[in-house]
PDB file of N, CA and C in Angstrom:
ATOM      1  N   UNK A   1     -15.132  -7.689  18.012  1.00  0.00           N
ATOM      2  CA  UNK A   1     -14.079  -8.672  17.983  1.00  0.00           C
ATOM      3  C   UNK A   1     -12.864  -8.070  17.272  1.00  0.00           C
ATOM      4  N   UNK A   2     -11.695  -8.070  17.919  1.00  0.00           N
ATOM      5  CA  UNK A   2     -10.505  -7.506  17.290  1.00  0.00           C
ATOM      6  C   UNK A   2     -10.051  -8.345  16.096  1.00  0.00           C
ATOM      7  N   UNK A   3      -9.483  -7.667  15.101  1.00  0.00           N
ATOM      8  CA  UNK A   3      -8.974  -8.376  13.928  1.00  0.00           C
ATOM      9  C   UNK A   3      -7.743  -9.192  14.316  1.00  0.00           C
ATOM     10  N   UNK A   4      -7.634 -10.393  13.785  1.00  0.00           N
ATOM     11  CA  UNK A   4      -6.452 -11.211  14.087  1.00  0.00           C
ATOM     12  C   UNK A   4      -5.174 -10.562  13.546  1.00  0.00           C
ATOM     13  N   UNK A   5      -4.165 -10.502  14.375  1.00  0.00           N
ATOM     14  CA  UNK A   5      -2.921  -9.836  13.999  1.00  0.00           C
ATOM     15  C   UNK A   5      -2.260 -10.498  12.795  1.00  0.00           C
ATOM     16  N   UNK A   6      -2.310 -11.824  12.711  1.00  0.00           N
ATOM     17  CA  UNK A   6      -1.686 -12.515  11.578  1.00  0.00           C
ATOM     18  C   UNK A   6      -2.362 -12.114  10.273  1.00  0.00           C
ATOM     19  N   UNK A   7      -3.670 -11.982  10.309  1.00  0.00           N
ATOM     20  CA  UNK A   7      -4.401 -11.592   9.108  1.00  0.00           C
ATOM     21  C   UNK A   7      -4.082 -10.152   8.713  1.00  0.00           C
ATOM     22  N   UNK A   8      -4.006  -9.264   9.691  1.00  0.00           N
ATOM     23  CA  UNK A   8      -3.636  -7.877   9.412  1.00  0.00           C
ATOM     24  C   UNK A   8      -2.224  -7.800   8.831  1.00  0.00           C
ATOM     25  N   UNK A   9      -1.331  -8.590   9.351  1.00  0.00           N
ATOM     26  CA  UNK A   9       0.032  -8.624   8.843  1.00  0.00           C
ATOM     27  C   UNK A   9       0.050  -9.120   7.400  1.00  0.00           C
ATOM     28  N   UNK A  10      -0.756 -10.110   7.109  1.00  0.00           N
ATOM     29  CA  UNK A  10      -0.846 -10.643   5.753  1.00  0.00           C
ATOM     30  C   UNK A  10      -1.380  -9.592   4.785  1.00  0.00           C
ATOM     31  N   UNK A  11      -2.390  -8.854   5.210  1.00  0.00           N
ATOM     32  CA  UNK A  11      -2.956  -7.795   4.363  1.00  0.00           C
ATOM     33  C   UNK A  11      -1.906  -6.710   4.124  1.00  0.00           C
ATOM     34  N   UNK A  12      -1.157  -6.374   5.145  1.00  0.00           N
ATOM     35  CA  UNK A  12      -0.099  -5.377   5.018  1.00  0.00           C
ATOM     36  C   UNK A  12       0.936  -5.822   3.987  1.00  0.00           C
ATOM     37  N   UNK A  13       1.318  -7.083   4.039  1.00  0.00           N
ATOM     38  CA  UNK A  13       2.275  -7.629   3.080  1.00  0.00           C
ATOM     39  C   UNK A  13       1.712  -7.585   1.665  1.00  0.00           C
ATOM     40  N   UNK A  14       0.448  -7.944   1.510  1.00  0.00           N
ATOM     41  CA  UNK A  14      -0.188  -7.915   0.195  1.00  0.00           C
ATOM     42  C   UNK A  14      -0.242  -6.482  -0.344  1.00  0.00           C
ATOM     43  N   UNK A  15      -0.558  -5.521   0.515  1.00  0.00           N
ATOM     44  CA  UNK A  15      -0.580  -4.119   0.091  1.00  0.00           C
ATOM     45  C   UNK A  15       0.799  -3.638  -0.332  1.00  0.00           C
ATOM     46  N   UNK A  16       1.834  -4.081   0.375  1.00  0.00           N
ATOM     47  CA  UNK A  16       3.208  -3.737  -0.006  1.00  0.00           C
ATOM     48  C   UNK A  16       3.488  -4.196  -1.434  1.00  0.00           C
ATOM     49  N   UNK A  17       3.141  -5.438  -1.729  1.00  0.00           N
ATOM     50  CA  UNK A  17       3.388  -6.000  -3.061  1.00  0.00           C
ATOM     51  C   UNK A  17       2.585  -5.254  -4.122  1.00  0.00           C
ATOM     52  N   UNK A  18       1.310  -5.004  -3.863  1.00  0.00           N
ATOM     53  CA  UNK A  18       0.485  -4.262  -4.820  1.00  0.00           C
ATOM     54  C   UNK A  18       1.032  -2.862  -5.061  1.00  0.00           C
ATOM     55  N   UNK A  19       1.484  -2.231  -4.011  1.00  0.00           N
ATOM     56  CA  UNK A  19       2.039  -0.881  -4.116  1.00  0.00           C
ATOM     57  C   UNK A  19       3.283  -0.887  -4.998  1.00  0.00           C
ATOM     58  N   UNK A  20       4.155  -1.868  -4.789  1.00  0.00           N
ATOM     59  CA  UNK A  20       5.358  -1.974  -5.624  1.00  0.00           C
ATOM     60  C   UNK A  20       4.995  -2.201  -7.090  1.00  0.00           C
ATOM     61  N   UNK A  21       4.040  -3.084  -7.325  1.00  0.00           N
ATOM     62  CA  UNK A  21       3.626  -3.383  -8.697  1.00  0.00           C
ATOM     63  C   UNK A  21       3.027  -2.154  -9.378  1.00  0.00           C
ATOM     64  N   UNK A  22       2.179  -1.435  -8.655  1.00  0.00           N
ATOM     65  CA  UNK A  22       1.589  -0.224  -9.225  1.00  0.00           C
ATOM     66  C   UNK A  22       2.650   0.838  -9.498  1.00  0.00           C
ATOM     67  N   UNK A  23       3.618   0.949  -8.618  1.00  0.00           N
ATOM     68  CA  UNK A  23       4.705   1.902  -8.833  1.00  0.00           C
ATOM     69  C   UNK A  23       5.482   1.579 -10.098  1.00  0.00           C
ATOM     70  N   UNK A  24       5.762   0.306 -10.305  1.00  0.00           N
ATOM     71  CA  UNK A  24       6.471  -0.116 -11.516  1.00  0.00           C
ATOM     72  C   UNK A  24       5.630   0.169 -12.762  1.00  0.00           C
ATOM     73  N   UNK A  25       4.336  -0.074 -12.670  1.00  0.00           N
ATOM     74  CA  UNK A  25       3.447   0.206 -13.802  1.00  0.00           C
ATOM     75  C   UNK A  25       3.389   1.703 -14.087  1.00  0.00           C
ATOM     76  N   UNK A  26       3.359   2.502 -13.039  1.00  0.00           N
ATOM     77  CA  UNK A  26       3.330   3.961 -13.204  1.00  0.00           C
ATOM     78  C   UNK A  26       4.617   4.448 -13.866  1.00  0.00           C
ATOM     79  N   UNK A  27       5.743   3.913 -13.435  1.00  0.00           N
ATOM     80  CA  UNK A  27       7.023   4.295 -14.029  1.00  0.00           C
ATOM     81  C   UNK A  27       7.075   3.916 -15.512  1.00  0.00           C
ATOM     82  N   UNK A  28       6.555   2.724 -15.838  1.00  0.00           N
ATOM     83  CA  UNK A  28       6.533   2.287 -17.238  1.00  0.00           C
ATOM     84  C   UNK A  28       5.643   3.208 -18.066  1.00  0.00           C
ATOM     85  N   UNK A  29       4.497   3.571 -17.536  1.00  0.00           N
ATOM     86  CA  UNK A  29       3.595   4.476 -18.251  1.00  0.00           C
ATOM     87  C   UNK A  29       4.248   5.841 -18.444  1.00  0.00           C
ATOM     88  N   UNK A  30       4.958   6.285 -17.402  1.00  0.00           N
ATOM     89  CA  UNK A  30       5.654   7.571 -17.502  1.00  0.00           C
ATOM     90  C   UNK A  30       6.739   7.514 -18.580  1.00  0.00           C
ATOM     91  N   UNK A  31       7.478   6.421 -18.630  1.00  0.00           N
ATOM     92  CA  UNK A  31       8.520   6.255 -19.637  1.00  0.00           C
ATOM     93  C   UNK A  31       7.938   6.234 -21.047  1.00  0.00           C
ATOM     94  N   UNK A  32       6.720   5.747 -21.176  1.00  0.00           N
ATOM     95  CA  UNK A  32       6.043   5.694 -22.476  1.00  0.00           C
ATOM     96  C   UNK A  32       5.314   7.004 -22.796  1.00  0.00           C
ATOM     97  N   UNK A  33       5.485   7.994 -21.919  1.00  0.00           N
ATOM     98  CA  UNK A  33       4.845   9.311 -22.085  1.00  0.00           C
ATOM     99  C   UNK A  33       3.318   9.240 -22.012  1.00  0.00           C
ATOM    100  N   UNK A  34       2.807   8.257 -21.268  1.00  0.00           N
ATOM    101  CA  UNK A  34       1.363   8.135 -21.047  1.00  0.00           C
ATOM    102  C   UNK A  34       1.052   8.815 -19.716  1.00  0.00           C
ATOM    103  N   UNK A  35       0.957  10.137 -19.784  1.00  0.00           N
ATOM    104  CA  UNK A  35       0.831  10.948 -18.574  1.00  0.00           C
ATOM    105  C   UNK A  35      -0.451  10.666 -17.799  1.00  0.00           C
ATOM    106  N   UNK A  36      -1.541  10.506 -18.505  1.00  0.00           N
ATOM    107  CA  UNK A  36      -2.819  10.262 -17.832  1.00  0.00           C
ATOM    108  C   UNK A  36      -2.771   8.973 -17.005  1.00  0.00           C
ATOM    109  N   UNK A  37      -2.257   7.914 -17.598  1.00  0.00           N
ATOM    110  CA  UNK A  37      -2.177   6.633 -16.881  1.00  0.00           C
ATOM    111  C   UNK A  37      -1.195   6.713 -15.727  1.00  0.00           C
ATOM    112  N   UNK A  38      -0.019   7.298 -15.973  1.00  0.00           N
ATOM    113  CA  UNK A  38       0.981   7.366 -14.906  1.00  0.00           C
ATOM    114  C   UNK A  38       0.469   8.205 -13.743  1.00  0.00           C
ATOM    115  N   UNK A  39      -0.210   9.298 -14.025  1.00  0.00           N
ATOM    116  CA  UNK A  39      -0.756  10.151 -12.965  1.00  0.00           C
ATOM    117  C   UNK A  39      -1.753   9.387 -12.110  1.00  0.00           C
ATOM    118  N   UNK A  40      -2.647   8.667 -12.753  1.00  0.00           N
ATOM    119  CA  UNK A  40      -3.657   7.903 -12.013  1.00  0.00           C
ATOM    120  C   UNK A  40      -3.019   6.767 -11.212  1.00  0.00           C
ATOM    121  N   UNK A  41      -2.060   6.077 -11.808  1.00  0.00           N
ATOM    122  CA  UNK A  41      -1.400   4.982 -11.082  1.00  0.00           C
ATOM    123  C   UNK A  41      -0.619   5.500  -9.883  1.00  0.00           C
ATOM    124  N   UNK A  42       0.048   6.647 -10.038  1.00  0.00           N
ATOM    125  CA  UNK A  42       0.754   7.229  -8.895  1.00  0.00           C
ATOM    126  C   UNK A  42      -0.237   7.622  -7.791  1.00  0.00           C
ATOM    127  N   UNK A  43      -1.410   8.099  -8.177  1.00  0.00           N
ATOM    128  CA  UNK A  43      -2.418   8.464  -7.175  1.00  0.00           C
ATOM    129  C   UNK A  43      -2.891   7.222  -6.415  1.00  0.00           C
ATOM    130  N   UNK A  44      -3.097   6.138  -7.127  1.00  0.00           N
ATOM    131  CA  UNK A  44      -3.502   4.886  -6.468  1.00  0.00           C
ATOM    132  C   UNK A  44      -2.373   4.388  -5.565  1.00  0.00           C
ATOM    133  N   UNK A  45      -1.146   4.483  -6.050  1.00  0.00           N
ATOM    134  CA  UNK A  45       0.010   4.062  -5.254  1.00  0.00           C
ATOM    135  C   UNK A  45       0.072   4.854  -3.943  1.00  0.00           C
ATOM    136  N   UNK A  46      -0.122   6.165  -4.025  1.00  0.00           N
ATOM    137  CA  UNK A  46      -0.109   6.999  -2.804  1.00  0.00           C
ATOM    138  C   UNK A  46      -1.215   6.586  -1.849  1.00  0.00           C
ATOM    139  N   UNK A  47      -2.389   6.318  -2.386  1.00  0.00           N
ATOM    140  CA  UNK A  47      -3.511   5.906  -1.535  1.00  0.00           C
ATOM    141  C   UNK A  47      -3.197   4.583  -0.829  1.00  0.00           C
ATOM    142  N   UNK A  48      -2.601   3.652  -1.548  1.00  0.00           N
ATOM    143  CA  UNK A  48      -2.250   2.370  -0.936  1.00  0.00           C
ATOM    144  C   UNK A  48      -1.163   2.541   0.126  1.00  0.00           C
ATOM    145  N   UNK A  49      -0.216   3.432  -0.136  1.00  0.00           N
ATOM    146  CA  UNK A  49       0.825   3.690   0.879  1.00  0.00           C
ATOM    147  C   UNK A  49       0.186   4.246   2.157  1.00  0.00           C
ATOM    148  N   UNK A  50      -0.768   5.147   1.986  1.00  0.00           N
ATOM    149  CA  UNK A  50      -1.464   5.696   3.148  1.00  0.00           C
ATOM    150  C   UNK A  50      -2.246   4.619   3.892  1.00  0.00           C
ATOM    151  N   UNK A  51      -2.923   3.775   3.156  1.00  0.00           N
ATOM    152  CA  UNK A  51      -3.674   2.676   3.779  1.00  0.00           C
ATOM    153  C   UNK A  51      -2.724   1.744   4.520  1.00  0.00           C
ATOM    154  N   UNK A  52      -1.593   1.477   3.914  1.00  0.00           N
ATOM    155  CA  UNK A  52      -0.633   0.582   4.550  1.00  0.00           C
ATOM    156  C   UNK A  52      -0.054   1.188   5.817  1.00  0.00           C
ATOM    157  N   UNK A  53       0.216   2.499   5.806  1.00  0.00           N
ATOM    158  CA  UNK A  53       0.708   3.163   7.029  1.00  0.00           C
ATOM    159  C   UNK A  53      -0.316   3.036   8.151  1.00  0.00           C
ATOM    160  N   UNK A  54      -1.588   3.208   7.798  1.00  0.00           N
ATOM    161  CA  UNK A  54      -2.641   3.101   8.813  1.00  0.00           C
ATOM    162  C   UNK A  54      -2.714   1.681   9.379  1.00  0.00           C
ATOM    163  N   UNK A  55      -2.600   0.689   8.522  1.00  0.00           N
ATOM    164  CA  UNK A  55      -2.610  -0.700   8.991  1.00  0.00           C
ATOM    165  C   UNK A  55      -1.408  -0.982   9.875  1.00  0.00           C
ATOM    166  N   UNK A  56      -0.237  -0.505   9.460  1.00  0.00           N
ATOM    167  CA  UNK A  56       0.963  -0.719  10.263  1.00  0.00           C
ATOM    168  C   UNK A  56       0.835  -0.051  11.622  1.00  0.00           C
ATOM    169  N   UNK A  57       0.271   1.142  11.642  1.00  0.00           N
ATOM    170  CA  UNK A  57       0.054   1.847  12.917  1.00  0.00           C
ATOM    171  C   UNK A  57      -0.888   1.037  13.804  1.00  0.00           C
ATOM    172  N   UNK A  58      -1.928   0.499  13.210  1.00  0.00           N
ATOM    173  CA  UNK A  58      -2.885  -0.316  13.951  1.00  0.00           C
ATOM    174  C   UNK A  58      -2.222  -1.564  14.532  1.00  0.00           C
ATOM    175  N   UNK A  59      -1.455  -2.262  13.717  1.00  0.00           N
ATOM    176  CA  UNK A  59      -0.829  -3.492  14.197  1.00  0.00           C
ATOM    177  C   UNK A  59       0.259  -3.200  15.213  1.00  0.00           C
ATOM    178  N   UNK A  60       0.972  -2.087  15.038  1.00  0.00           N
ATOM    179  CA  UNK A  60       2.025  -1.723  15.988  1.00  0.00           C
ATOM    180  C   UNK A  60       1.413  -1.359  17.344  1.00  0.00           C
ATOM    181  N   UNK A  61       0.312  -0.606  17.311  1.00  0.00           N
ATOM    182  CA  UNK A  61      -0.302  -0.190  18.574  1.00  0.00           C
ATOM    183  C   UNK A  61      -0.904  -1.367  19.327  1.00  0.00           C
ATOM    184  N   UNK A  62      -1.311  -2.398  18.616  1.00  0.00           N
ATOM    185  CA  UNK A  62      -1.895  -3.558  19.282  1.00  0.00           C
ATOM    186  C   UNK A  62      -0.848  -4.513  19.841  1.00  0.00           C
ATOM    187  N   UNK A  63       0.386  -4.432  19.329  1.00  0.00           N
ATOM    188  CA  UNK A  63       1.415  -5.329  19.839  1.00  0.00           C
ATOM    189  C   UNK A  63       2.228  -4.702  20.954  1.00  0.00           C
ATOM    190  N   UNK A  64       2.100  -3.384  21.146  1.00  0.00           N
ATOM    191  CA  UNK A  64       2.797  -2.712  22.239  1.00  0.00           C
ATOM    192  C   UNK A  64       2.076  -2.959  23.556  1.00  0.00           C
ATOM    193  N   UNK A  65       2.856  -3.137  24.621  1.00  0.00           N
ATOM    194  CA  UNK A  65       2.204  -3.254  25.932  1.00  0.00           C
ATOM    195  C   UNK A  65       1.577  -1.924  26.324  1.00  0.00           C
ATOM    196  N   UNK A  66       0.453  -1.982  26.974  1.00  0.00           N
ATOM    197  CA  UNK A  66      -0.244  -0.754  27.392  1.00  0.00           C
ATOM    198  C   UNK A  66      -0.019  -0.449  28.838  1.00  0.00           C
TER     199      UNK A  66
END
């Protein structure tokens, strides 16, 4: 059963927000010279960006006519 497009879109939006929040947290940690935390948060941010690109690719390919 294919995933509902509205639900995938909602997840994509939620990932966008989480990614922004993590980026802000990473920047704050970097400003506080907490290198270990900022490094890990940036790594999580990158992973979420990659996941979001994959979701966007999935939703885009399903909305295009074949």
